[in-house]
Amino acid sequence: MSSKQRFQDLAARLVKLGESKEEFDLWLKIFDDLPEDKQRELVSMMLKELEELEKIR
């Protein structure tokens, strides 16, 4: 799975948990322009956020 696909998957899961779809739409628009290390960093942060939200739900 590419970084962009992973981002989209995580964004969809986070939106289902109540996060802002608009924020992820903005990130998606600029995702391809980010350097690869920043893409990985963003996906990593989203994964951590998802794990935290799933713990409290």
N, C-alpha and C. Protein backbone atom coordinates (compact mmCIF):
# COMPACT_ATOMS: atom_id res chain seq x y z
N MET A 1 0.86 -1.18 0.00
CA MET A 1 0.00 0.00 0.00
C MET A 1 0.90 1.24 0.00
N SER A 2 0.59 2.15 -0.89
CA SER A 2 1.39 3.37 -0.97
C SER A 2 1.09 4.29 0.22
N SER A 3 1.97 5.26 0.43
CA SER A 3 1.76 6.22 1.52
C SER A 3 0.44 6.98 1.34
N LYS A 4 0.12 7.32 0.10
CA LYS A 4 -1.12 8.06 -0.15
C LYS A 4 -2.34 7.19 0.15
N GLN A 5 -2.28 5.92 -0.25
CA GLN A 5 -3.39 5.01 0.04
C GLN A 5 -3.53 4.82 1.55
N ARG A 6 -2.40 4.70 2.23
CA ARG A 6 -2.41 4.54 3.69
C ARG A 6 -3.02 5.79 4.33
N PHE A 7 -2.64 6.97 3.83
CA PHE A 7 -3.19 8.22 4.33
C PHE A 7 -4.70 8.22 4.17
N GLN A 8 -5.18 7.86 2.98
CA GLN A 8 -6.62 7.88 2.71
C GLN A 8 -7.37 6.89 3.61
N ASP A 9 -6.79 5.72 3.82
CA ASP A 9 -7.40 4.73 4.70
C ASP A 9 -7.49 5.24 6.13
N LEU A 10 -6.39 5.78 6.62
CA LEU A 10 -6.38 6.30 7.98
C LEU A 10 -7.32 7.49 8.13
N ALA A 11 -7.36 8.36 7.14
CA ALA A 11 -8.25 9.52 7.19
C ALA A 11 -9.70 9.07 7.28
N ALA A 12 -10.08 8.10 6.48
CA ALA A 12 -11.45 7.59 6.51
C ALA A 12 -11.79 7.01 7.89
N ARG A 13 -10.87 6.28 8.46
CA ARG A 13 -11.10 5.69 9.78
C ARG A 13 -11.19 6.76 10.86
N LEU A 14 -10.35 7.79 10.76
CA LEU A 14 -10.38 8.87 11.74
C LEU A 14 -11.66 9.70 11.62
N VAL A 15 -12.12 9.93 10.41
CA VAL A 15 -13.37 10.67 10.21
C VAL A 15 -14.53 9.91 10.84
N LYS A 16 -14.53 8.59 10.70
CA LYS A 16 -15.58 7.77 11.32
C LYS A 16 -15.57 7.92 12.84
N LEU A 17 -14.41 8.24 13.39
CA LEU A 17 -14.29 8.41 14.84
C LEU A 17 -14.50 9.86 15.27
N GLY A 18 -14.90 10.72 14.32
CA GLY A 18 -15.27 12.08 14.67
C GLY A 18 -14.29 13.17 14.29
N GLU A 19 -13.20 12.82 13.62
CA GLU A 19 -12.24 13.84 13.21
C GLU A 19 -12.77 14.61 12.00
N SER A 20 -12.18 15.76 11.73
CA SER A 20 -12.64 16.67 10.68
C SER A 20 -12.29 16.16 9.27
N LYS A 21 -13.31 15.89 8.47
CA LYS A 21 -13.10 15.48 7.08
C LYS A 21 -12.45 16.61 6.29
N GLU A 22 -12.83 17.84 6.56
CA GLU A 22 -12.28 18.98 5.84
C GLU A 22 -10.77 19.09 6.02
N GLU A 23 -10.30 18.83 7.23
CA GLU A 23 -8.86 18.90 7.50
C GLU A 23 -8.12 17.86 6.66
N PHE A 24 -8.64 16.64 6.61
CA PHE A 24 -7.98 15.60 5.84
C PHE A 24 -8.08 15.87 4.34
N ASP A 25 -9.18 16.48 3.89
CA ASP A 25 -9.29 16.85 2.49
C ASP A 25 -8.19 17.85 2.11
N LEU A 26 -7.92 18.78 3.01
CA LEU A 26 -6.85 19.75 2.76
C LEU A 26 -5.49 19.06 2.68
N TRP A 27 -5.22 18.18 3.63
CA TRP A 27 -3.95 17.45 3.61
C TRP A 27 -3.82 16.61 2.34
N LEU A 28 -4.93 16.01 1.91
CA LEU A 28 -4.90 15.18 0.70
C LEU A 28 -4.52 16.01 -0.52
N LYS A 29 -5.00 17.24 -0.58
CA LYS A 29 -4.69 18.12 -1.72
C LYS A 29 -3.19 18.39 -1.83
N ILE A 30 -2.50 18.50 -0.70
CA ILE A 30 -1.08 18.83 -0.73
C ILE A 30 -0.17 17.62 -0.52
N PHE A 31 -0.77 16.45 -0.29
CA PHE A 31 0.01 15.26 0.07
C PHE A 31 1.10 14.97 -0.94
N ASP A 32 0.77 14.97 -2.24
CA ASP A 32 1.76 14.63 -3.27
C ASP A 32 2.90 15.64 -3.35
N ASP A 33 2.67 16.85 -2.88
CA ASP A 33 3.72 17.88 -2.90
C ASP A 33 4.67 17.78 -1.71
N LEU A 34 4.30 17.00 -0.70
CA LEU A 34 5.16 16.85 0.47
C LEU A 34 6.32 15.91 0.15
N PRO A 35 7.49 16.18 0.72
CA PRO A 35 8.61 15.23 0.56
C PRO A 35 8.22 13.88 1.19
N GLU A 36 8.82 12.82 0.72
CA GLU A 36 8.47 11.48 1.20
C GLU A 36 8.59 11.34 2.71
N ASP A 37 9.62 11.96 3.30
CA ASP A 37 9.78 11.84 4.75
C ASP A 37 8.63 12.52 5.49
N LYS A 38 8.13 13.62 4.95
CA LYS A 38 6.99 14.32 5.57
C LYS A 38 5.70 13.52 5.38
N GLN A 39 5.58 12.86 4.24
CA GLN A 39 4.42 12.00 4.02
C GLN A 39 4.40 10.87 5.06
N ARG A 40 5.55 10.25 5.26
CA ARG A 40 5.64 9.16 6.24
C ARG A 40 5.37 9.68 7.65
N GLU A 41 5.88 10.87 7.95
CA GLU A 41 5.67 11.47 9.27
C GLU A 41 4.17 11.74 9.50
N LEU A 42 3.50 12.27 8.51
CA LEU A 42 2.07 12.55 8.62
C LEU A 42 1.29 11.26 8.83
N VAL A 43 1.59 10.22 8.06
CA VAL A 43 0.90 8.94 8.21
C VAL A 43 1.17 8.35 9.59
N SER A 44 2.39 8.47 10.07
CA SER A 44 2.74 7.97 11.40
C SER A 44 1.95 8.69 12.49
N MET A 45 1.84 10.01 12.38
CA MET A 45 1.07 10.78 13.36
C MET A 45 -0.40 10.39 13.32
N MET A 46 -0.92 10.17 12.15
CA MET A 46 -2.32 9.77 12.02
C MET A 46 -2.55 8.39 12.64
N LEU A 47 -1.61 7.48 12.45
CA LEU A 47 -1.73 6.15 13.03
C LEU A 47 -1.74 6.22 14.55
N LYS A 48 -0.87 7.04 15.12
CA LYS A 48 -0.84 7.22 16.57
C LYS A 48 -2.15 7.81 17.07
N GLU A 49 -2.68 8.79 16.35
CA GLU A 49 -3.95 9.41 16.73
C GLU A 49 -5.08 8.37 16.67
N LEU A 50 -5.08 7.55 15.64
CA LEU A 50 -6.10 6.51 15.51
C LEU A 50 -6.02 5.53 16.68
N GLU A 51 -4.83 5.11 17.03
CA GLU A 51 -4.65 4.19 18.15
C GLU A 51 -5.18 4.80 19.44
N GLU A 52 -4.90 6.06 19.66
CA GLU A 52 -5.37 6.75 20.87
C GLU A 52 -6.90 6.84 20.91
N LEU A 53 -7.48 7.22 19.78
CA LEU A 53 -8.94 7.34 19.71
C LEU A 53 -9.62 5.99 19.91
N GLU A 54 -9.04 4.95 19.34
CA GLU A 54 -9.63 3.61 19.49
C GLU A 54 -9.54 3.12 20.93
N LYS A 55 -8.53 3.55 21.66
CA LYS A 55 -8.39 3.17 23.06
C LYS A 55 -9.51 3.74 23.93
N ILE A 56 -9.92 4.97 23.61
CA ILE A 56 -10.91 5.64 24.46
C ILE A 56 -12.35 5.39 23.98
N ARG A 57 -12.53 4.70 22.90
CA ARG A 57 -13.88 4.43 22.39
C ARG A 57 -14.29 3.01 22.64
